[in-house]
PDB file of N, CA and C in Angstrom:
ATOM      1  N   MET A   1       0.580  27.089 -21.059  1.00  0.00           N
ATOM      2  CA  MET A   1       0.723  25.670 -20.958  1.00  0.00           C
ATOM      3  C   MET A   1       1.435  25.734 -20.249  1.00  0.00           C
ATOM      4  N   VAL A   2       1.437  24.968 -19.122  1.00  0.00           N
ATOM      5  CA  VAL A   2       2.528  24.286 -18.321  1.00  0.00           C
ATOM      6  C   VAL A   2       3.571  22.889 -18.482  1.00  0.00           C
ATOM      7  N   ARG A   3       4.745  23.781 -18.769  1.00  0.00           N
ATOM      8  CA  ARG A   3       6.113  22.289 -19.478  1.00  0.00           C
ATOM      9  C   ARG A   3       6.460  21.533 -18.145  1.00  0.00           C
ATOM     10  N   LEU A   4       6.175  20.743 -17.625  1.00  0.00           N
ATOM     11  CA  LEU A   4       6.935  19.604 -16.852  1.00  0.00           C
ATOM     12  C   LEU A   4       7.292  18.677 -17.307  1.00  0.00           C
ATOM     13  N   ARG A   5       7.889  18.295 -18.708  1.00  0.00           N
ATOM     14  CA  ARG A   5       8.099  17.239 -19.253  1.00  0.00           C
ATOM     15  C   ARG A   5       9.506  16.072 -18.241  1.00  0.00           C
ATOM     16  N   ASN A   6       8.707  15.071 -17.825  1.00  0.00           N
ATOM     17  CA  ASN A   6       9.530  13.919 -17.371  1.00  0.00           C
ATOM     18  C   ASN A   6       9.939  14.657 -15.463  1.00  0.00           C
ATOM     19  N   THR A   7       9.338  15.565 -14.989  1.00  0.00           N
ATOM     20  CA  THR A   7       9.301  16.008 -13.784  1.00  0.00           C
ATOM     21  C   THR A   7       8.546  15.016 -12.950  1.00  0.00           C
ATOM     22  N   LEU A   8       9.873  14.927 -11.445  1.00  0.00           N
ATOM     23  CA  LEU A   8       9.666  14.585 -10.212  1.00  0.00           C
ATOM     24  C   LEU A   8       8.746  15.692  -9.238  1.00  0.00           C
ATOM     25  N   ILE A   9       7.554  15.481  -9.274  1.00  0.00           N
ATOM     26  CA  ILE A   9       6.912  16.260  -8.350  1.00  0.00           C
ATOM     27  C   ILE A   9       7.084  15.413  -6.804  1.00  0.00           C
ATOM     28  N   ASP A  10       7.644  16.319  -5.955  1.00  0.00           N
ATOM     29  CA  ASP A  10       7.472  15.420  -4.679  1.00  0.00           C
ATOM     30  C   ASP A  10       7.244  16.357  -3.704  1.00  0.00           C
ATOM     31  N   ASN A  11       6.403  17.201  -3.866  1.00  0.00           N
ATOM     32  CA  ASN A  11       5.990  18.211  -2.459  1.00  0.00           C
ATOM     33  C   ASN A  11       7.008  18.796  -1.696  1.00  0.00           C
ATOM     34  N   SER A  12       7.614  19.428  -2.035  1.00  0.00           N
ATOM     35  CA  SER A  12       8.961  20.381  -1.827  1.00  0.00           C
ATOM     36  C   SER A  12       8.105  21.440  -2.232  1.00  0.00           C
ATOM     37  N   PRO A  13       8.963  22.742  -1.425  1.00  0.00           N
ATOM     38  CA  PRO A  13       8.608  24.049  -1.615  1.00  0.00           C
ATOM     39  C   PRO A  13       8.160  24.840  -2.727  1.00  0.00           C
ATOM     40  N   SER A  14       8.686  24.091  -3.615  1.00  0.00           N
ATOM     41  CA  SER A  14       8.441  24.793  -5.087  1.00  0.00           C
ATOM     42  C   SER A  14       7.414  23.811  -5.941  1.00  0.00           C
ATOM     43  N   LEU A  15       7.584  22.619  -5.668  1.00  0.00           N
ATOM     44  CA  LEU A  15       6.443  21.787  -6.496  1.00  0.00           C
ATOM     45  C   LEU A  15       5.344  21.075  -5.682  1.00  0.00           C
ATOM     46  N   GLN A  16       4.104  21.224  -5.688  1.00  0.00           N
ATOM     47  CA  GLN A  16       3.268  21.211  -4.786  1.00  0.00           C
ATOM     48  C   GLN A  16       2.230  20.361  -5.597  1.00  0.00           C
ATOM     49  N   MET A  17       2.114  18.913  -5.334  1.00  0.00           N
ATOM     50  CA  MET A  17       1.698  18.029  -6.004  1.00  0.00           C
ATOM     51  C   MET A  17       0.104  18.587  -6.462  1.00  0.00           C
ATOM     52  N   ALA A  18      -0.833  18.677  -5.466  1.00  0.00           N
ATOM     53  CA  ALA A  18      -2.220  19.164  -6.040  1.00  0.00           C
ATOM     54  C   ALA A  18      -2.052  20.803  -7.095  1.00  0.00           C
ATOM     55  N   ASP A  19      -1.305  21.592  -7.060  1.00  0.00           N
ATOM     56  CA  ASP A  19      -1.066  22.543  -7.077  1.00  0.00           C
ATOM     57  C   ASP A  19      -0.519  22.694  -8.509  1.00  0.00           C
ATOM     58  N   ILE A  20       0.098  21.799  -8.950  1.00  0.00           N
ATOM     59  CA  ILE A  20       0.960  21.139 -10.418  1.00  0.00           C
ATOM     60  C   ILE A  20      -0.429  20.272 -11.115  1.00  0.00           C
ATOM     61  N   LEU A  21      -0.992  19.441 -10.385  1.00  0.00           N
ATOM     62  CA  LEU A  21      -2.144  18.542 -11.192  1.00  0.00           C
ATOM     63  C   LEU A  21      -3.343  19.698 -11.565  1.00  0.00           C
ATOM     64  N   ARG A  22      -3.680  20.295 -10.568  1.00  0.00           N
ATOM     65  CA  ARG A  22      -4.638  21.649 -11.273  1.00  0.00           C
ATOM     66  C   ARG A  22      -4.781  22.069 -12.273  1.00  0.00           C
ATOM     67  N   SER A  23      -3.183  22.329 -12.816  1.00  0.00           N
ATOM     68  CA  SER A  23      -3.141  23.279 -13.418  1.00  0.00           C
ATOM     69  C   SER A  23      -2.825  22.713 -14.965  1.00  0.00           C
ATOM     70  N   LEU A  24      -2.220  21.528 -14.405  1.00  0.00           N
ATOM     71  CA  LEU A  24      -2.325  20.513 -15.836  1.00  0.00           C
ATOM     72  C   LEU A  24      -3.599  19.774 -15.952  1.00  0.00           C
ATOM     73  N   PHE A  25      -4.487  19.687 -15.311  1.00  0.00           N
ATOM     74  CA  PHE A  25      -5.902  19.203 -15.563  1.00  0.00           C
ATOM     75  C   PHE A  25      -6.473  19.884 -16.459  1.00  0.00           C
ATOM     76  N   GLN A  26      -6.218  21.717 -15.947  1.00  0.00           N
ATOM     77  CA  GLN A  26      -7.087  22.266 -16.582  1.00  0.00           C
ATOM     78  C   GLN A  26      -6.442  22.979 -18.566  1.00  0.00           C
ATOM     79  N   GLU A  27      -5.000  22.808 -18.483  1.00  0.00           N
ATOM     80  CA  GLU A  27      -4.706  22.919 -19.682  1.00  0.00           C
ATOM     81  C   GLU A  27      -5.517  21.828 -21.045  1.00  0.00           C
ATOM     82  N   SER A  28      -5.469  22.588 -21.559  1.00  0.00           N
ATOM     83  CA  SER A  28      -6.733  22.166 -22.729  1.00  0.00           C
ATOM     84  C   SER A  28      -5.517  21.295 -23.889  1.00  0.00           C
ATOM     85  N   GLY A  29      -3.945  21.493 -23.983  1.00  0.00           N
ATOM     86  CA  GLY A  29      -3.330  20.325 -24.734  1.00  0.00           C
ATOM     87  C   GLY A  29      -3.251  19.320 -24.388  1.00  0.00           C
ATOM     88  N   TYR A  30      -3.612  19.102 -22.955  1.00  0.00           N
ATOM     89  CA  TYR A  30      -3.188  17.250 -22.897  1.00  0.00           C
ATOM     90  C   TYR A  30      -4.887  16.941 -22.817  1.00  0.00           C
ATOM     91  N   THR A  31      -4.656  15.483 -23.463  1.00  0.00           N
ATOM     92  CA  THR A  31      -5.198  14.232 -23.406  1.00  0.00           C
ATOM     93  C   THR A  31      -5.345  13.311 -22.678  1.00  0.00           C
ATOM     94  N   ALA A  32      -4.170  13.170 -22.306  1.00  0.00           N
ATOM     95  CA  ALA A  32      -4.097  11.830 -21.254  1.00  0.00           C
ATOM     96  C   ALA A  32      -2.829  12.249 -20.126  1.00  0.00           C
ATOM     97  N   ALA A  33      -3.446  11.299 -19.180  1.00  0.00           N
ATOM     98  CA  ALA A  33      -3.182  11.346 -17.327  1.00  0.00           C
ATOM     99  C   ALA A  33      -2.237  10.457 -17.316  1.00  0.00           C
ATOM    100  N   LEU A  34      -1.145  10.119 -17.638  1.00  0.00           N
ATOM    101  CA  LEU A  34      -0.669   8.799 -16.821  1.00  0.00           C
ATOM    102  C   LEU A  34       0.093   8.913 -15.247  1.00  0.00           C
ATOM    103  N   PHE A  35      -0.177   8.019 -14.345  1.00  0.00           N
ATOM    104  CA  PHE A  35       0.294   8.414 -12.902  1.00  0.00           C
ATOM    105  C   PHE A  35       1.207   7.053 -12.838  1.00  0.00           C
ATOM    106  N   ALA A  36       2.405   7.096 -11.858  1.00  0.00           N
ATOM    107  CA  ALA A  36       2.707   6.038 -11.250  1.00  0.00           C
ATOM    108  C   ALA A  36       3.136   6.436  -9.843  1.00  0.00           C
ATOM    109  N   THR A  37       3.058   5.472  -9.508  1.00  0.00           N
ATOM    110  CA  THR A  37       2.476   5.886  -7.531  1.00  0.00           C
ATOM    111  C   THR A  37       2.261   4.774  -6.896  1.00  0.00           C
ATOM    112  N   GLY A  38       2.997   5.026  -5.458  1.00  0.00           N
ATOM    113  CA  GLY A  38       3.368   3.774  -4.721  1.00  0.00           C
ATOM    114  C   GLY A  38       2.138   3.787  -4.177  1.00  0.00           C
ATOM    115  N   TYR A  39       0.965   4.753  -3.549  1.00  0.00           N
ATOM    116  CA  TYR A  39      -0.017   4.006  -3.076  1.00  0.00           C
ATOM    117  C   TYR A  39      -1.526   4.986  -3.640  1.00  0.00           C
ATOM    118  N   LEU A  40      -2.256   5.035  -3.407  1.00  0.00           N
ATOM    119  CA  LEU A  40      -3.673   5.432  -3.837  1.00  0.00           C
ATOM    120  C   LEU A  40      -4.149   6.739  -2.341  1.00  0.00           C
ATOM    121  N   ASP A  41      -4.429   8.046  -2.638  1.00  0.00           N
ATOM    122  CA  ASP A  41      -4.727   8.633  -1.525  1.00  0.00           C
ATOM    123  C   ASP A  41      -6.048   9.522  -1.714  1.00  0.00           C
ATOM    124  N   ILE A  42      -7.139   9.191  -1.597  1.00  0.00           N
ATOM    125  CA  ILE A  42      -8.281   9.627  -1.476  1.00  0.00           C
ATOM    126  C   ILE A  42      -8.470  10.968  -1.286  1.00  0.00           C
ATOM    127  N   PRO A  43      -7.932  11.191   0.009  1.00  0.00           N
ATOM    128  CA  PRO A  43      -7.788  12.822   0.595  1.00  0.00           C
ATOM    129  C   PRO A  43      -7.286  13.631  -0.705  1.00  0.00           C
ATOM    130  N   GLY A  44      -6.527  13.317  -1.052  1.00  0.00           N
ATOM    131  CA  GLY A  44      -5.559  13.252  -1.621  1.00  0.00           C
ATOM    132  C   GLY A  44      -5.560  14.182  -3.303  1.00  0.00           C
ATOM    133  N   LEU A  45      -6.832  12.937  -3.652  1.00  0.00           N
ATOM    134  CA  LEU A  45      -7.734  12.817  -4.774  1.00  0.00           C
ATOM    135  C   LEU A  45      -8.462  14.135  -4.803  1.00  0.00           C
ATOM    136  N   ALA A  46      -9.213  14.035  -3.426  1.00  0.00           N
ATOM    137  CA  ALA A  46     -10.232  15.393  -3.259  1.00  0.00           C
ATOM    138  C   ALA A  46      -9.968  16.798  -3.692  1.00  0.00           C
ATOM    139  N   LEU A  47      -8.469  16.721  -3.275  1.00  0.00           N
ATOM    140  CA  LEU A  47      -7.920  18.381  -3.433  1.00  0.00           C
ATOM    141  C   LEU A  47      -8.184  18.828  -4.922  1.00  0.00           C
ATOM    142  N   VAL A  48      -7.912  17.585  -6.005  1.00  0.00           N
ATOM    143  CA  VAL A  48      -7.686  17.711  -7.317  1.00  0.00           C
ATOM    144  C   VAL A  48      -9.384  17.749  -7.900  1.00  0.00           C
ATOM    145  N   TYR A  49     -10.320  17.199  -7.489  1.00  0.00           N
ATOM    146  CA  TYR A  49     -11.511  16.647  -7.744  1.00  0.00           C
ATOM    147  C   TYR A  49     -11.866  17.269  -9.040  1.00  0.00           C
ATOM    148  N   ASP A  50     -12.172  18.779  -8.818  1.00  0.00           N
ATOM    149  CA  ASP A  50     -12.716  19.307 -10.109  1.00  0.00           C
ATOM    150  C   ASP A  50     -12.238  19.638 -10.881  1.00  0.00           C
ATOM    151  N   GLU A  51     -10.932  19.585 -10.999  1.00  0.00           N
ATOM    152  CA  GLU A  51     -10.467  19.948 -12.242  1.00  0.00           C
ATOM    153  C   GLU A  51     -10.070  17.879 -13.317  1.00  0.00           C
ATOM    154  N   LEU A  52     -10.204  17.440 -12.394  1.00  0.00           N
ATOM    155  CA  LEU A  52      -9.374  15.913 -12.853  1.00  0.00           C
ATOM    156  C   LEU A  52     -11.287  15.599 -13.508  1.00  0.00           C
ATOM    157  N   ALA A  53     -12.275  15.602 -12.652  1.00  0.00           N
ATOM    158  CA  ALA A  53     -13.376  15.299 -13.491  1.00  0.00           C
ATOM    159  C   ALA A  53     -13.678  16.125 -14.258  1.00  0.00           C
ATOM    160  N   ALA A  54     -13.188  17.429 -14.523  1.00  0.00           N
ATOM    161  CA  ALA A  54     -13.822  18.204 -15.795  1.00  0.00           C
ATOM    162  C   ALA A  54     -12.747  17.446 -17.016  1.00  0.00           C
ATOM    163  N   PHE A  55     -11.543  17.263 -16.772  1.00  0.00           N
ATOM    164  CA  PHE A  55     -10.775  16.786 -17.631  1.00  0.00           C
ATOM    165  C   PHE A  55     -11.345  15.672 -18.143  1.00  0.00           C
ATOM    166  N   LEU A  56     -11.603  14.741 -17.056  1.00  0.00           N
ATOM    167  CA  LEU A  56     -11.963  13.444 -17.438  1.00  0.00           C
ATOM    168  C   LEU A  56     -13.314  13.584 -18.574  1.00  0.00           C
ATOM    169  N   GLU A  57     -14.051  14.589 -18.438  1.00  0.00           N
ATOM    170  CA  GLU A  57     -15.605  15.145 -19.251  1.00  0.00           C
ATOM    171  C   GLU A  57     -14.986  15.347 -20.583  1.00  0.00           C
ATOM    172  N   ARG A  58     -13.823  16.229 -20.676  1.00  0.00           N
ATOM    173  CA  ARG A  58     -13.878  16.398 -21.832  1.00  0.00           C
ATOM    174  C   ARG A  58     -13.204  14.960 -23.144  1.00  0.00           C
ATOM    175  N   PRO A  59     -13.719  15.305 -24.335  1.00  0.00           N
ATOM    176  CA  PRO A  59     -13.955  14.246 -25.147  1.00  0.00           C
ATOM    177  C   PRO A  59     -12.301  13.690 -25.716  1.00  0.00           C
ATOM    178  N   GLU A  60     -11.959  12.604 -25.645  1.00  0.00           N
ATOM    179  CA  GLU A  60     -10.925  11.914 -26.177  1.00  0.00           C
ATOM    180  C   GLU A  60      -9.888  12.060 -24.909  1.00  0.00           C
ATOM    181  N   THR A  61     -10.174  12.107 -23.391  1.00  0.00           N
ATOM    182  CA  THR A  61      -9.041  12.344 -22.743  1.00  0.00           C
ATOM    183  C   THR A  61      -9.179  10.702 -21.969  1.00  0.00           C
ATOM    184  N   THR A  62      -7.835  10.461 -21.269  1.00  0.00           N
ATOM    185  CA  THR A  62      -7.668   9.404 -20.902  1.00  0.00           C
ATOM    186  C   THR A  62      -6.780   9.022 -19.648  1.00  0.00           C
ATOM    187  N   PHE A  63      -7.013   8.572 -18.906  1.00  0.00           N
ATOM    188  CA  PHE A  63      -6.232   8.623 -17.655  1.00  0.00           C
ATOM    189  C   PHE A  63      -6.270   7.143 -16.877  1.00  0.00           C
ATOM    190  N   LYS A  64      -4.562   7.033 -16.713  1.00  0.00           N
ATOM    191  CA  LYS A  64      -4.238   5.645 -16.561  1.00  0.00           C
ATOM    192  C   LYS A  64      -2.921   5.998 -15.353  1.00  0.00           C
ATOM    193  N   LEU A  65      -3.461   5.040 -14.508  1.00  0.00           N
ATOM    194  CA  LEU A  65      -3.043   4.892 -12.979  1.00  0.00           C
ATOM    195  C   LEU A  65      -2.186   3.846 -12.607  1.00  0.00           C
ATOM    196  N   LEU A  66      -0.758   3.827 -12.392  1.00  0.00           N
ATOM    197  CA  LEU A  66      -0.310   2.360 -11.986  1.00  0.00           C
ATOM    198  C   LEU A  66       0.309   2.816 -10.369  1.00  0.00           C
ATOM    199  N   ILE A  67      -0.397   1.786  -9.593  1.00  0.00           N
ATOM    200  CA  ILE A  67       0.182   1.562  -8.561  1.00  0.00           C
ATOM    201  C   ILE A  67       0.439   0.580  -7.789  1.00  0.00           C
ATOM    202  N   GLY A  68       1.399   0.798  -6.681  1.00  0.00           N
ATOM    203  CA  GLY A  68       2.249  -0.352  -6.246  1.00  0.00           C
ATOM    204  C   GLY A  68       0.844  -1.118  -5.452  1.00  0.00           C
ATOM    205  N   GLN A  69       0.994  -2.355  -4.973  1.00  0.00           N
ATOM    206  CA  GLN A  69       0.200  -3.358  -3.964  1.00  0.00           C
ATOM    207  C   GLN A  69       0.805  -2.800  -2.486  1.00  0.00           C
ATOM    208  N   GLU A  70      -0.239  -2.716  -1.735  1.00  0.00           N
ATOM    209  CA  GLU A  70      -0.238  -2.262  -0.666  1.00  0.00           C
ATOM    210  C   GLU A  70       0.120  -3.771   0.295  1.00  0.00           C
ATOM    211  N   PRO A  71       0.610  -3.657   1.025  1.00  0.00           N
ATOM    212  CA  PRO A  71       0.954  -5.288   1.886  1.00  0.00           C
ATOM    213  C   PRO A  71      -0.324  -5.510   2.708  1.00  0.00           C
ATOM    214  N   LEU A  72      -1.007  -6.969   2.306  1.00  0.00           N
ATOM    215  CA  LEU A  72      -2.001  -7.485   2.143  1.00  0.00           C
ATOM    216  C   LEU A  72      -2.012  -8.534   3.246  1.00  0.00           C
ATOM    217  N   VAL A  73      -2.621  -9.285   3.878  1.00  0.00           N
ATOM    218  CA  VAL A  73      -3.051 -10.710   4.372  1.00  0.00           C
ATOM    219  C   VAL A  73      -3.320 -11.402   3.189  1.00  0.00           C
ATOM    220  N   ARG A  74      -2.754 -12.036   2.902  1.00  0.00           N
ATOM    221  CA  ARG A  74      -3.058 -13.145   2.042  1.00  0.00           C
ATOM    222  C   ARG A  74      -4.205 -14.125   2.357  1.00  0.00           C
ATOM    223  N   SER A  75      -5.157 -14.394   1.619  1.00  0.00           N
ATOM    224  CA  SER A  75      -5.969 -14.916   1.900  1.00  0.00           C
ATOM    225  C   SER A  75      -5.984 -16.619   2.567  1.00  0.00           C
ATOM    226  N   TYR A  76      -4.690 -17.194   1.530  1.00  0.00           N
ATOM    227  CA  TYR A  76      -4.071 -18.343   2.190  1.00  0.00           C
ATOM    228  C   TYR A  76      -3.483 -18.659   3.926  1.00  0.00           C
ATOM    229  N   GLN A  77      -3.140 -16.760   4.037  1.00  0.00           N
ATOM    230  CA  GLN A  77      -2.512 -16.846   5.693  1.00  0.00           C
ATOM    231  C   GLN A  77      -3.391 -16.559   6.739  1.00  0.00           C
ATOM    232  N   THR A  78      -4.593 -17.001   6.222  1.00  0.00           N
ATOM    233  CA  THR A  78      -6.011 -16.810   7.307  1.00  0.00           C
ATOM    234  C   THR A  78      -6.023 -18.225   7.663  1.00  0.00           C
ATOM    235  N   VAL A  79      -6.539 -18.212   8.996  1.00  0.00           N
ATOM    236  CA  VAL A  79      -7.016 -19.272   9.506  1.00  0.00           C
ATOM    237  C   VAL A  79      -8.089 -19.650   8.725  1.00  0.00           C
ATOM    238  N   GLU A  80      -9.199 -19.067   8.066  1.00  0.00           N
ATOM    239  CA  GLU A  80     -10.245 -19.507   7.608  1.00  0.00           C
ATOM    240  C   GLU A  80     -10.384 -18.956   5.876  1.00  0.00           C
ATOM    241  N   PRO A  81      -9.558 -19.287   5.315  1.00  0.00           N
ATOM    242  CA  PRO A  81      -9.094 -18.989   3.629  1.00  0.00           C
ATOM    243  C   PRO A  81     -10.437 -19.189   2.797  1.00  0.00           C
ATOM    244  N   VAL A  82     -10.374 -17.490   2.385  1.00  0.00           N
ATOM    245  CA  VAL A  82     -11.441 -17.420   0.974  1.00  0.00           C
ATOM    246  C   VAL A  82     -10.852 -17.926   0.120  1.00  0.00           C
ATOM    247  N   ALA A  83     -11.287 -18.688  -0.764  1.00  0.00           N
ATOM    248  CA  ALA A  83     -10.892 -19.321  -2.288  1.00  0.00           C
ATOM    249  C   ALA A  83     -11.422 -18.373  -3.200  1.00  0.00           C
ATOM    250  N   VAL A  84     -11.926 -17.140  -3.216  1.00  0.00           N
ATOM    251  CA  VAL A  84     -12.155 -16.155  -4.272  1.00  0.00           C
ATOM    252  C   VAL A  84     -11.047 -15.425  -4.896  1.00  0.00           C
ATOM    253  N   PRO A  85     -10.515 -16.008  -5.741  1.00  0.00           N
ATOM    254  CA  PRO A  85      -9.595 -14.970  -6.518  1.00  0.00           C
ATOM    255  C   PRO A  85      -9.861 -13.432  -7.104  1.00  0.00           C
ATOM    256  N   MET A  86      -9.251 -12.446  -6.223  1.00  0.00           N
ATOM    257  CA  MET A  86      -9.291 -11.091  -6.951  1.00  0.00           C
ATOM    258  C   MET A  86      -8.604 -10.546  -7.666  1.00  0.00           C
ATOM    259  N   ASP A  87      -9.100  -9.572  -8.288  1.00  0.00           N
ATOM    260  CA  ASP A  87      -8.068  -9.140  -9.457  1.00  0.00           C
ATOM    261  C   ASP A  87      -7.683  -7.686  -9.320  1.00  0.00           C
ATOM    262  N   PHE A  88      -6.191  -7.972  -8.564  1.00  0.00           N
ATOM    263  CA  PHE A  88      -5.556  -6.422  -8.560  1.00  0.00           C
ATOM    264  C   PHE A  88      -5.578  -5.366  -9.489  1.00  0.00           C
ATOM    265  N   PRO A  89      -5.521  -4.350  -9.730  1.00  0.00           N
ATOM    266  CA  PRO A  89      -6.188  -3.926  -8.194  1.00  0.00           C
ATOM    267  C   PRO A  89      -7.251  -3.329  -7.885  1.00  0.00           C
ATOM    268  N   ARG A  90      -8.298  -3.586  -9.027  1.00  0.00           N
ATOM    269  CA  ARG A  90      -9.297  -2.940  -9.071  1.00  0.00           C
ATOM    270  C   ARG A  90     -10.492  -3.930  -7.977  1.00  0.00           C
ATOM    271  N   ASP A  91     -10.313  -5.000  -7.692  1.00  0.00           N
ATOM    272  CA  ASP A  91     -11.481  -5.868  -6.692  1.00  0.00           C
ATOM    273  C   ASP A  91     -10.355  -5.271  -4.976  1.00  0.00           C
ATOM    274  N   HIS A  92      -9.256  -5.170  -5.427  1.00  0.00           N
ATOM    275  CA  HIS A  92      -8.936  -4.824  -3.830  1.00  0.00           C
ATOM    276  C   HIS A  92      -8.949  -3.236  -3.874  1.00  0.00           C
ATOM    277  N   ILE A  93      -9.235  -2.278  -4.592  1.00  0.00           N
ATOM    278  CA  ILE A  93      -9.833  -0.917  -4.224  1.00  0.00           C
ATOM    279  C   ILE A  93     -11.566  -1.013  -4.081  1.00  0.00           C
ATOM    280  N   ARG A  94     -12.288  -1.671  -4.790  1.00  0.00           N
ATOM    281  CA  ARG A  94     -13.681  -1.664  -4.589  1.00  0.00           C
ATOM    282  C   ARG A  94     -13.574  -2.456  -3.063  1.00  0.00           C
ATOM    283  N   ARG A  95     -13.059  -3.647  -2.439  1.00  0.00           N
ATOM    284  CA  ARG A  95     -13.767  -3.942  -1.395  1.00  0.00           C
ATOM    285  C   ARG A  95     -12.801  -2.912  -0.042  1.00  0.00           C
ATOM    286  N   ASP A  96     -11.737  -2.293  -0.854  1.00  0.00           N
ATOM    287  CA  ASP A  96     -11.398  -1.652   0.618  1.00  0.00           C
ATOM    288  C   ASP A  96     -12.299  -0.079   0.766  1.00  0.00           C
ATOM    289  N   LEU A  97     -12.917  -0.065  -0.736  1.00  0.00           N
ATOM    290  CA  LEU A  97     -13.734   1.463  -0.572  1.00  0.00           C
ATOM    291  C   LEU A  97     -15.128   0.896  -0.190  1.00  0.00           C
ATOM    292  N   ALA A  98     -15.628  -0.093   0.027  1.00  0.00           N
ATOM    293  CA  ALA A  98     -17.529  -0.534   0.637  1.00  0.00           C
ATOM    294  C   ALA A  98     -16.799  -1.036   1.822  1.00  0.00           C
ATOM    295  N   ASP A  99     -15.422  -1.525   2.369  1.00  0.00           N
ATOM    296  CA  ASP A  99     -15.098  -1.125   3.887  1.00  0.00           C
ATOM    297  C   ASP A  99     -15.353   0.205   4.455  1.00  0.00           C
ATOM    298  N   LEU A 100     -15.081   0.973   3.937  1.00  0.00           N
ATOM    299  CA  LEU A 100     -14.517   2.583   4.109  1.00  0.00           C
ATOM    300  C   LEU A 100     -16.050   2.906   5.116  1.00  0.00           C
ATOM    301  N   LYS A 101     -16.026   4.045   5.778  1.00  0.00           N
ATOM    302  CA  LYS A 101     -17.531   5.057   6.003  1.00  0.00           C
ATOM    303  C   LYS A 101     -16.332   6.401   5.744  1.00  0.00           C
ATOM    304  N   LEU A 102     -16.778   6.305   4.499  1.00  0.00           N
ATOM    305  CA  LEU A 102     -16.042   7.612   4.153  1.00  0.00           C
ATOM    306  C   LEU A 102     -16.876   9.564   4.741  1.00  0.00           C
ATOM    307  N   LEU A 103     -15.892  10.513   4.411  1.00  0.00           N
ATOM    308  CA  LEU A 103     -16.767  11.422   5.330  1.00  0.00           C
ATOM    309  C   LEU A 103     -17.263  11.930   3.434  1.00  0.00           C
ATOM    310  N   PRO A 104     -18.301  12.845   3.799  1.00  0.00           N
ATOM    311  CA  PRO A 104     -18.736  13.243   2.458  1.00  0.00           C
ATOM    312  C   PRO A 104     -18.212  13.648   1.717  1.00  0.00           C
ATOM    313  N   GLU A 105     -17.021  14.325   1.873  1.00  0.00           N
ATOM    314  CA  GLU A 105     -16.110  15.221   0.801  1.00  0.00           C
ATOM    315  C   GLU A 105     -15.778  14.093   0.239  1.00  0.00           C
ATOM    316  N   TYR A 106     -15.635  12.942   0.365  1.00  0.00           N
ATOM    317  CA  TYR A 106     -14.875  11.918  -0.125  1.00  0.00           C
ATOM    318  C   TYR A 106     -15.427  10.851  -0.858  1.00  0.00           C
ATOM    319  N   ASN A 107     -16.676  10.982  -0.857  1.00  0.00           N
ATOM    320  CA  ASN A 107     -17.814  10.165  -1.619  1.00  0.00           C
ATOM    321  C   ASN A 107     -17.660  10.298  -3.177  1.00  0.00           C
ATOM    322  N   LYS A 108     -17.346  11.539  -3.604  1.00  0.00           N
ATOM    323  CA  LYS A 108     -17.603  11.818  -4.732  1.00  0.00           C
ATOM    324  C   LYS A 108     -15.854  11.727  -5.524  1.00  0.00           C
ATOM    325  N   VAL A 109     -15.040  11.517  -4.571  1.00  0.00           N
ATOM    326  CA  VAL A 109     -13.565  10.910  -4.953  1.00  0.00           C
ATOM    327  C   VAL A 109     -14.005   9.629  -5.386  1.00  0.00           C
ATOM    328  N   ALA A 110     -14.326   8.735  -4.619  1.00  0.00           N
ATOM    329  CA  ALA A 110     -14.422   7.213  -4.612  1.00  0.00           C
ATOM    330  C   ALA A 110     -15.179   6.969  -5.872  1.00  0.00           C
ATOM    331  N   GLN A 111     -16.423   7.684  -5.946  1.00  0.00           N
ATOM    332  CA  GLN A 111     -17.173   7.389  -7.268  1.00  0.00           C
ATOM    333  C   GLN A 111     -16.308   7.815  -8.536  1.00  0.00           C
ATOM    334  N   LEU A 112     -15.755   9.158  -8.487  1.00  0.00           N
ATOM    335  CA  LEU A 112     -14.996   8.864  -9.813  1.00  0.00           C
ATOM    336  C   LEU A 112     -14.185   7.874  -9.731  1.00  0.00           C
TER     337      LEU A 112
END
């Protein structure tokens, strides 16, 4: 079993994020994945899609993601404001994904 208790993974030569995540998602001893990140990157998630999808299919697993909010132009800052309140991050992510024309290899990541 991989042991990385409270380890910062910074994509240095010795700790590549995708390699570490693939390994951890495959370990049977883990039932929760908790992440804090400044942004969410679909191409990056595509690198670990198979392992993440298999992890989420196992019984009793949870996945929690804490992400920072991207700089956005607020509705009230526009010439024609839209009065529809949006729930961050769910509605923002859905809007962003709806506007994207994703490459086929990223569609499965967006759906997951």
